Each structure stands twice: as C-alpha cells, then as structure tokens.
N, C-alpha and C. Protein backbone atom coordinates (compact mmCIF):
# COMPACT_ATOMS: atom_id res chain seq x y z
N ASP A 1 0.80 -1.21 0.00
CA ASP A 1 0.00 0.00 0.00
C ASP A 1 0.84 1.27 0.00
N GLY A 2 2.17 1.12 -0.07
CA GLY A 2 3.05 2.28 -0.15
C GLY A 2 3.31 2.97 1.16
N ARG A 3 2.81 2.42 2.26
CA ARG A 3 3.02 3.06 3.56
C ARG A 3 4.43 2.78 4.07
N SER A 4 4.99 3.75 4.75
CA SER A 4 6.33 3.63 5.32
C SER A 4 6.26 2.85 6.63
N ASN A 5 7.35 2.17 6.98
CA ASN A 5 7.38 1.49 8.26
C ASN A 5 8.25 2.24 9.26
N GLU A 6 8.54 3.52 8.96
CA GLU A 6 9.30 4.36 9.88
C GLU A 6 8.44 4.72 11.09
N CYS A 7 9.10 5.08 12.17
CA CYS A 7 8.43 5.46 13.41
C CYS A 7 7.39 6.55 13.15
N CYS A 8 6.17 6.30 13.60
CA CYS A 8 5.09 7.28 13.41
C CYS A 8 3.97 7.02 14.40
N ARG A 9 3.05 7.96 14.46
CA ARG A 9 1.86 7.83 15.30
C ARG A 9 0.75 7.20 14.47
N GLU A 10 0.09 6.23 15.06
CA GLU A 10 -1.08 5.61 14.43
C GLU A 10 -2.30 6.02 15.24
N LYS A 11 -3.37 6.38 14.54
CA LYS A 11 -4.62 6.69 15.22
C LYS A 11 -5.20 5.40 15.80
N PHE A 12 -5.70 5.48 17.03
CA PHE A 12 -6.32 4.32 17.66
C PHE A 12 -7.41 4.81 18.60
N TYR A 13 -8.63 4.42 18.31
CA TYR A 13 -9.78 4.85 19.10
C TYR A 13 -10.09 3.83 20.19
N VAL A 14 -10.22 4.32 21.42
CA VAL A 14 -10.62 3.48 22.55
C VAL A 14 -12.06 3.81 22.88
N ASP A 15 -12.92 2.81 22.78
CA ASP A 15 -14.33 2.94 23.17
C ASP A 15 -14.43 2.40 24.59
N PHE A 16 -14.84 3.24 25.54
CA PHE A 16 -14.87 2.82 26.93
C PHE A 16 -15.83 1.65 27.18
N LYS A 17 -16.81 1.50 26.33
CA LYS A 17 -17.73 0.37 26.44
C LYS A 17 -16.99 -0.95 26.19
N ASP A 18 -16.03 -0.93 25.27
CA ASP A 18 -15.27 -2.14 24.93
C ASP A 18 -14.41 -2.64 26.08
N ILE A 19 -14.03 -1.74 26.99
CA ILE A 19 -13.21 -2.16 28.13
C ILE A 19 -13.99 -2.10 29.44
N ALA A 20 -15.32 -2.04 29.33
CA ALA A 20 -16.24 -2.06 30.48
C ALA A 20 -16.00 -0.89 31.44
N TRP A 21 -15.67 0.28 30.90
CA TRP A 21 -15.53 1.48 31.71
C TRP A 21 -16.70 2.43 31.50
N ASP A 22 -17.65 2.04 30.69
CA ASP A 22 -18.78 2.92 30.38
C ASP A 22 -19.76 3.05 31.54
N ASP A 23 -19.60 2.23 32.58
CA ASP A 23 -20.50 2.33 33.73
C ASP A 23 -20.06 3.42 34.71
N TRP A 24 -18.84 3.92 34.59
CA TRP A 24 -18.40 4.99 35.50
C TRP A 24 -17.91 6.24 34.77
N ILE A 25 -17.58 6.12 33.49
CA ILE A 25 -17.19 7.30 32.71
C ILE A 25 -18.43 7.84 32.00
N ILE A 26 -18.78 9.08 32.30
CA ILE A 26 -19.96 9.71 31.71
C ILE A 26 -19.62 10.27 30.33
N SER A 27 -18.49 10.97 30.26
CA SER A 27 -18.08 11.60 29.01
C SER A 27 -16.57 11.76 29.00
N PRO A 28 -15.94 11.53 27.90
CA PRO A 28 -16.46 11.12 26.60
C PRO A 28 -16.78 9.62 26.58
N LYS A 29 -17.42 9.18 25.53
CA LYS A 29 -17.73 7.76 25.37
C LYS A 29 -16.50 6.97 24.94
N GLY A 30 -15.53 7.69 24.43
CA GLY A 30 -14.26 7.11 23.98
C GLY A 30 -13.37 8.23 23.51
N TYR A 31 -12.17 7.88 23.08
CA TYR A 31 -11.24 8.91 22.60
C TYR A 31 -10.13 8.27 21.78
N TYR A 32 -9.40 9.10 21.04
CA TYR A 32 -8.25 8.64 20.28
C TYR A 32 -7.02 8.64 21.19
N ALA A 33 -6.68 7.46 21.69
CA ALA A 33 -5.49 7.31 22.54
C ALA A 33 -4.24 7.33 21.67
N ASN A 34 -4.35 6.72 20.48
CA ASN A 34 -3.24 6.61 19.52
C ASN A 34 -2.08 5.80 20.10
N PHE A 35 -1.14 5.44 19.26
CA PHE A 35 0.05 4.72 19.70
C PHE A 35 1.18 4.93 18.70
N CYS A 36 2.39 4.61 19.14
CA CYS A 36 3.58 4.74 18.29
C CYS A 36 3.95 3.37 17.74
N THR A 37 4.35 3.36 16.49
CA THR A 37 4.75 2.11 15.86
C THR A 37 5.78 2.42 14.77
N GLY A 38 6.50 1.41 14.40
CA GLY A 38 7.45 1.58 13.30
C GLY A 38 8.89 1.39 13.72
N SER A 39 9.74 1.43 12.75
CA SER A 39 11.16 1.14 12.93
C SER A 39 11.97 2.40 13.18
N CYS A 40 13.01 2.24 13.98
CA CYS A 40 13.97 3.31 14.21
C CYS A 40 15.35 2.90 13.71
N GLN A 41 15.42 1.80 12.98
CA GLN A 41 16.70 1.35 12.45
C GLN A 41 17.24 2.38 11.47
N GLY A 42 18.51 2.64 11.58
CA GLY A 42 19.14 3.60 10.68
C GLY A 42 18.98 5.04 11.12
N THR A 43 18.22 5.27 12.19
CA THR A 43 18.02 6.62 12.70
C THR A 43 19.20 7.01 13.57
N ILE A 44 19.79 8.15 13.31
CA ILE A 44 20.91 8.63 14.12
C ILE A 44 20.37 9.66 15.10
N LEU A 45 20.63 9.41 16.38
CA LEU A 45 20.10 10.27 17.44
C LEU A 45 21.24 10.86 18.27
N PRO A 46 21.73 12.03 17.92
CA PRO A 46 22.83 12.62 18.68
C PRO A 46 22.38 13.35 19.94
N ARG A 47 21.15 13.16 20.36
CA ARG A 47 20.59 13.92 21.48
C ARG A 47 21.37 13.67 22.78
N TYR A 48 21.71 12.40 23.05
CA TYR A 48 22.46 12.05 24.26
C TYR A 48 23.77 11.37 23.85
N HIS A 49 24.83 11.62 24.60
CA HIS A 49 26.11 10.95 24.32
C HIS A 49 25.94 9.44 24.44
N HIS A 50 25.20 9.01 25.45
CA HIS A 50 24.95 7.59 25.67
C HIS A 50 24.34 6.93 24.44
N THR A 51 23.35 7.58 23.86
CA THR A 51 22.70 7.04 22.67
C THR A 51 23.65 6.98 21.50
N SER A 52 24.47 8.01 21.33
CA SER A 52 25.44 8.03 20.24
C SER A 52 26.42 6.87 20.35
N VAL A 53 26.90 6.61 21.57
CA VAL A 53 27.83 5.50 21.79
C VAL A 53 27.16 4.18 21.45
N LEU A 54 25.95 3.96 21.97
CA LEU A 54 25.26 2.69 21.72
C LEU A 54 24.95 2.51 20.24
N GLN A 55 24.61 3.58 19.56
CA GLN A 55 24.33 3.46 18.12
C GLN A 55 25.58 3.09 17.34
N ARG A 56 26.71 3.65 17.73
CA ARG A 56 27.97 3.29 17.05
C ARG A 56 28.31 1.83 17.30
N VAL A 57 28.08 1.38 18.53
CA VAL A 57 28.32 -0.04 18.85
C VAL A 57 27.38 -0.90 18.02
N ALA A 58 26.11 -0.53 17.96
CA ALA A 58 25.13 -1.31 17.19
C ALA A 58 25.52 -1.40 15.72
N LEU A 59 25.95 -0.28 15.15
CA LEU A 59 26.32 -0.27 13.73
C LEU A 59 27.55 -1.13 13.45
N SER A 60 28.40 -1.31 14.46
CA SER A 60 29.62 -2.09 14.26
C SER A 60 29.40 -3.59 14.52
N GLN A 61 28.24 -3.95 15.04
CA GLN A 61 27.96 -5.35 15.38
C GLN A 61 27.62 -6.18 14.15
N LYS A 62 28.17 -7.38 14.12
CA LYS A 62 27.80 -8.33 13.07
C LYS A 62 26.61 -9.17 13.52
N ASP A 63 26.46 -9.30 14.84
CA ASP A 63 25.38 -10.09 15.41
C ASP A 63 24.06 -9.32 15.32
N ARG A 64 23.12 -9.85 14.56
CA ARG A 64 21.83 -9.18 14.33
C ARG A 64 21.06 -8.95 15.63
N GLU A 65 21.06 -9.94 16.52
CA GLU A 65 20.32 -9.83 17.77
C GLU A 65 20.83 -8.67 18.62
N THR A 66 22.15 -8.53 18.71
CA THR A 66 22.73 -7.42 19.47
C THR A 66 22.38 -6.08 18.83
N ARG A 67 22.45 -6.01 17.50
CA ARG A 67 22.09 -4.77 16.78
C ARG A 67 20.66 -4.37 17.11
N LEU A 68 19.74 -5.35 17.07
CA LEU A 68 18.33 -5.05 17.33
C LEU A 68 18.11 -4.59 18.77
N LYS A 69 18.81 -5.19 19.72
CA LYS A 69 18.68 -4.79 21.12
C LYS A 69 19.11 -3.35 21.34
N LEU A 70 20.10 -2.91 20.57
CA LEU A 70 20.65 -1.56 20.75
C LEU A 70 19.99 -0.51 19.87
N THR A 71 19.06 -0.92 19.04
CA THR A 71 18.36 0.01 18.15
C THR A 71 17.38 0.87 18.94
N PRO A 72 17.33 2.17 18.69
CA PRO A 72 16.35 3.04 19.38
C PRO A 72 14.92 2.56 19.15
N CYS A 73 14.04 2.91 20.07
CA CYS A 73 12.64 2.50 20.01
C CYS A 73 11.74 3.67 19.60
N CYS A 74 10.66 3.35 18.95
CA CYS A 74 9.65 4.33 18.57
C CYS A 74 8.74 4.56 19.78
N THR A 75 8.80 5.76 20.34
CA THR A 75 8.06 6.07 21.56
C THR A 75 7.38 7.43 21.46
N PRO A 76 6.40 7.69 22.34
CA PRO A 76 5.76 9.01 22.33
C PRO A 76 6.76 10.12 22.67
N THR A 77 6.67 11.22 21.93
CA THR A 77 7.49 12.40 22.22
C THR A 77 6.62 13.56 22.68
N LYS A 78 5.32 13.44 22.46
CA LYS A 78 4.38 14.48 22.91
C LYS A 78 3.07 13.80 23.28
N MET A 79 2.60 14.12 24.47
CA MET A 79 1.33 13.57 24.97
C MET A 79 0.43 14.74 25.35
N SER A 80 -0.87 14.48 25.41
CA SER A 80 -1.80 15.52 25.85
C SER A 80 -2.85 14.94 26.79
N ALA A 81 -3.54 15.84 27.44
CA ALA A 81 -4.53 15.46 28.45
C ALA A 81 -5.88 15.15 27.81
N LEU A 82 -6.70 14.47 28.59
CA LEU A 82 -8.07 14.17 28.19
C LEU A 82 -8.99 14.67 29.30
N SER A 83 -9.97 15.48 28.95
CA SER A 83 -10.96 15.94 29.90
C SER A 83 -12.02 14.86 30.05
N MET A 84 -12.27 14.46 31.29
CA MET A 84 -13.17 13.35 31.53
C MET A 84 -14.16 13.66 32.65
N LEU A 85 -15.42 13.33 32.41
CA LEU A 85 -16.48 13.46 33.40
C LEU A 85 -16.82 12.04 33.86
N TYR A 86 -16.71 11.79 35.18
CA TYR A 86 -16.87 10.42 35.66
C TYR A 86 -17.40 10.37 37.09
N PHE A 87 -17.88 9.19 37.47
CA PHE A 87 -18.31 8.92 38.84
C PHE A 87 -17.13 8.36 39.63
N ASP A 88 -16.94 8.85 40.88
CA ASP A 88 -15.92 8.23 41.73
C ASP A 88 -16.56 7.04 42.47
N ASN A 89 -15.81 6.41 43.36
CA ASN A 89 -16.30 5.21 44.07
C ASN A 89 -17.51 5.50 44.95
N ASP A 90 -17.67 6.75 45.37
CA ASP A 90 -18.81 7.12 46.22
C ASP A 90 -19.99 7.66 45.44
N GLY A 91 -19.89 7.66 44.12
CA GLY A 91 -20.99 8.11 43.27
C GLY A 91 -21.00 9.60 42.98
N TYR A 92 -19.97 10.32 43.42
CA TYR A 92 -19.87 11.74 43.12
C TYR A 92 -19.34 11.93 41.70
N ILE A 93 -19.82 12.99 41.05
CA ILE A 93 -19.38 13.27 39.68
C ILE A 93 -18.19 14.23 39.71
N PHE A 94 -17.17 13.88 38.96
CA PHE A 94 -15.96 14.70 38.85
C PHE A 94 -15.68 15.01 37.39
N ASN A 95 -15.09 16.19 37.16
CA ASN A 95 -14.61 16.56 35.83
C ASN A 95 -13.12 16.85 35.99
N LYS A 96 -12.29 16.04 35.36
CA LYS A 96 -10.84 16.21 35.49
C LYS A 96 -10.15 16.15 34.14
N ASN A 97 -9.06 16.87 34.05
CA ASN A 97 -8.15 16.75 32.91
C ASN A 97 -7.08 15.75 33.32
N LEU A 98 -7.08 14.59 32.68
CA LEU A 98 -6.11 13.56 32.99
C LEU A 98 -4.91 13.70 32.06
N PRO A 99 -3.72 13.94 32.63
CA PRO A 99 -2.54 14.17 31.79
C PRO A 99 -2.07 12.89 31.09
N ASN A 100 -1.37 13.08 29.99
CA ASN A 100 -0.70 11.99 29.27
C ASN A 100 -1.64 10.86 28.86
N MET A 101 -2.80 11.20 28.38
CA MET A 101 -3.77 10.19 27.94
C MET A 101 -3.76 9.97 26.43
N LYS A 102 -3.27 10.96 25.67
CA LYS A 102 -3.29 10.87 24.20
C LYS A 102 -1.88 11.05 23.65
N VAL A 103 -1.50 10.16 22.72
CA VAL A 103 -0.22 10.31 22.03
C VAL A 103 -0.43 11.27 20.87
N ASP A 104 0.32 12.37 20.88
CA ASP A 104 0.22 13.38 19.82
C ASP A 104 1.35 13.27 18.79
N ALA A 105 2.51 12.80 19.23
CA ALA A 105 3.65 12.69 18.32
C ALA A 105 4.58 11.58 18.80
N CYS A 106 5.31 11.01 17.86
CA CYS A 106 6.23 9.91 18.15
C CYS A 106 7.60 10.21 17.59
N GLY A 107 8.59 9.57 18.16
CA GLY A 107 9.95 9.71 17.67
C GLY A 107 10.80 8.56 18.18
N CYS A 108 12.01 8.52 17.73
CA CYS A 108 12.94 7.46 18.13
C CYS A 108 13.78 7.93 19.31
N SER A 109 13.90 7.07 20.31
CA SER A 109 14.75 7.40 21.46
C SER A 109 15.27 6.14 22.10
C-alpha cells in the first residue's frame, strides 16, 4: 500500500464500552489514545552521548540480535490530556483533565 514502516503515530480509538468502563465514565464515550509504531533502524540520534555511543556499537555489530537490542525504540514524544467526566467510588461526579492520555507525536529514542 506504499506506507512507510518508519516510526510514526497511528490513530487508535478506545471505546470505553469495549473495556467495560462505560458504567463509570460519563463523558467522553471514547477517545483517540493513539500509539507509536514503526522502525527506528538507521536513525541517528545525537541527542544524548549515551545514545550516540550505543548506536555506534550497534552499527559495528555483526550479530543481528545485538544490533536489534541496541536500536532506538519508537516512543511518544508528545502527549496531551483528556478531559473526563466520571463517577468516583462514592458516586460523586468529577470533571478532570487527565494528563498523558493521548499520544500526539512519536519519535525514536
């Protein structure tokens, strides 16, 4: 389909009914949690000295398994909050912004 396998964000919708949370979450009914996927092979990350050293070691390895272990991972680089209206254990209604609920961007680290 011509899609790249490089590190990127994939849209992923979580319906609270599917995970049996619809009995205590009033709103929203679900949200785009999203996730990171893809390869970071060949990505050079000079951000940390530690990473630079490990990448040079990985590139010099003939053993595939060791190279893969030392390859950077595709992970969230930006997250955002989700505003949620819900019942607590005592039946009181709360409206809270829950941090780090949505993946907005991904990168290799």
